Amino acid sequence: QTLFEKLDKKGHDNKIVLGNLINYTKKVQGINECEDLDCETYYLNDHIVFKEKTEVFLFKYRKLKRTIFSKLNKSY
């Protein structure tokens, strides 16, 4: 893939992650209704999964940024 294709894909992925974040913030409001430990555990597990997916996305994003800056530094 070319760098421009990677950037285009990352822009698309960014929109998906943003949508997931918006949905997650709405979903997490349900913890206010929890009355038992099972319910709270559900939200905790869901948070852990969301956090891991976000961290993977950010790792890949930072890697792409390093690649871009590396190529820019080589060209100057």
Protein backbone atom coordinates (compact mmCIF):
# COMPACT_ATOMS: atom_id res chain seq x y z
CA GLN A 1 0.00 0.00 0.00
CA THR A 2 1.09 3.52 -0.65
CA LEU A 3 1.32 6.03 2.14
CA PHE A 4 -1.70 7.89 0.76
CA GLU A 5 -3.77 4.70 0.79
CA LYS A 6 -2.75 4.07 4.40
CA LEU A 7 -3.75 7.62 5.34
CA ASP A 8 -7.08 7.25 3.58
CA LYS A 9 -7.77 3.97 5.37
CA LYS A 10 -6.74 5.50 8.70
CA GLY A 11 -9.20 8.34 8.13
CA HIS A 12 -11.95 5.80 7.53
CA ASP A 13 -10.89 3.80 10.61
CA ASN A 14 -10.87 7.00 12.65
CA LYS A 15 -14.52 7.66 11.78
CA ILE A 16 -15.41 4.12 12.85
CA VAL A 17 -13.56 4.48 16.16
CA LEU A 18 -15.24 7.83 16.79
CA GLY A 19 -18.65 6.26 16.16
CA ASN A 20 -17.77 3.42 18.53
CA LEU A 21 -16.76 5.95 21.18
CA ILE A 22 -20.05 7.82 20.84
CA ASN A 23 -21.99 4.55 21.11
CA TYR A 24 -19.89 3.46 24.07
CA THR A 25 -20.54 6.68 25.99
CA LYS A 26 -24.28 6.15 25.54
CA LYS A 27 -24.07 2.47 26.47
CA VAL A 28 -21.99 3.03 29.60
CA GLN A 29 -24.75 5.18 31.09
CA GLY A 30 -26.52 1.90 31.82
CA ILE A 31 -24.17 1.26 34.73
CA ASN A 32 -26.20 3.79 36.70
CA GLU A 33 -29.07 1.29 36.67
CA CYS A 34 -26.98 -1.62 38.01
CA GLU A 35 -28.15 -3.13 41.25
CA ASP A 36 -25.92 -6.20 41.48
CA LEU A 37 -22.32 -7.25 40.96
CA ASP A 38 -23.09 -9.21 37.76
CA CYS A 39 -24.35 -6.08 36.08
CA GLU A 40 -21.30 -4.07 37.13
CA THR A 41 -19.01 -6.89 35.98
CA TYR A 42 -20.66 -6.78 32.55
CA TYR A 43 -19.84 -3.08 32.20
CA LEU A 44 -16.32 -3.58 33.56
CA ASN A 45 -15.61 -6.33 31.02
CA ASP A 46 -17.11 -4.23 28.25
CA HIS A 47 -14.87 -1.33 29.30
CA ILE A 48 -11.77 -3.53 29.23
CA VAL A 49 -12.57 -4.72 25.69
CA PHE A 50 -13.27 -1.16 24.51
CA LYS A 51 -10.03 0.08 26.09
CA GLU A 52 -7.95 -2.66 24.45
CA LYS A 53 -9.44 -1.96 21.01
CA THR A 54 -8.78 1.75 21.44
CA GLU A 55 -5.19 1.13 22.53
CA VAL A 56 -4.57 -1.07 19.46
CA PHE A 57 -6.00 1.64 17.20
CA LEU A 58 -3.83 4.31 18.82
CA PHE A 59 -0.72 2.13 18.58
CA LYS A 60 -1.26 1.65 14.84
CA TYR A 61 -2.03 5.36 14.42
CA ARG A 62 1.21 6.36 16.16
CA LYS A 63 3.14 3.87 14.06
CA LEU A 64 1.76 5.44 10.87
CA LYS A 65 2.65 8.92 12.16
CA ARG A 66 6.22 7.79 12.84
CA THR A 67 6.42 6.40 9.30
CA ILE A 68 5.15 9.66 7.83
CA PHE A 69 7.54 11.82 9.85
CA SER A 70 10.42 9.49 9.01
CA LYS A 71 9.73 9.83 5.29
CA LEU A 72 9.41 13.61 5.63
CA ASN A 73 12.72 13.83 7.47
CA LYS A 74 14.46 11.79 4.77
CA SER A 75 13.16 14.05 2.03
CA TYR A 76 14.61 17.22 3.62
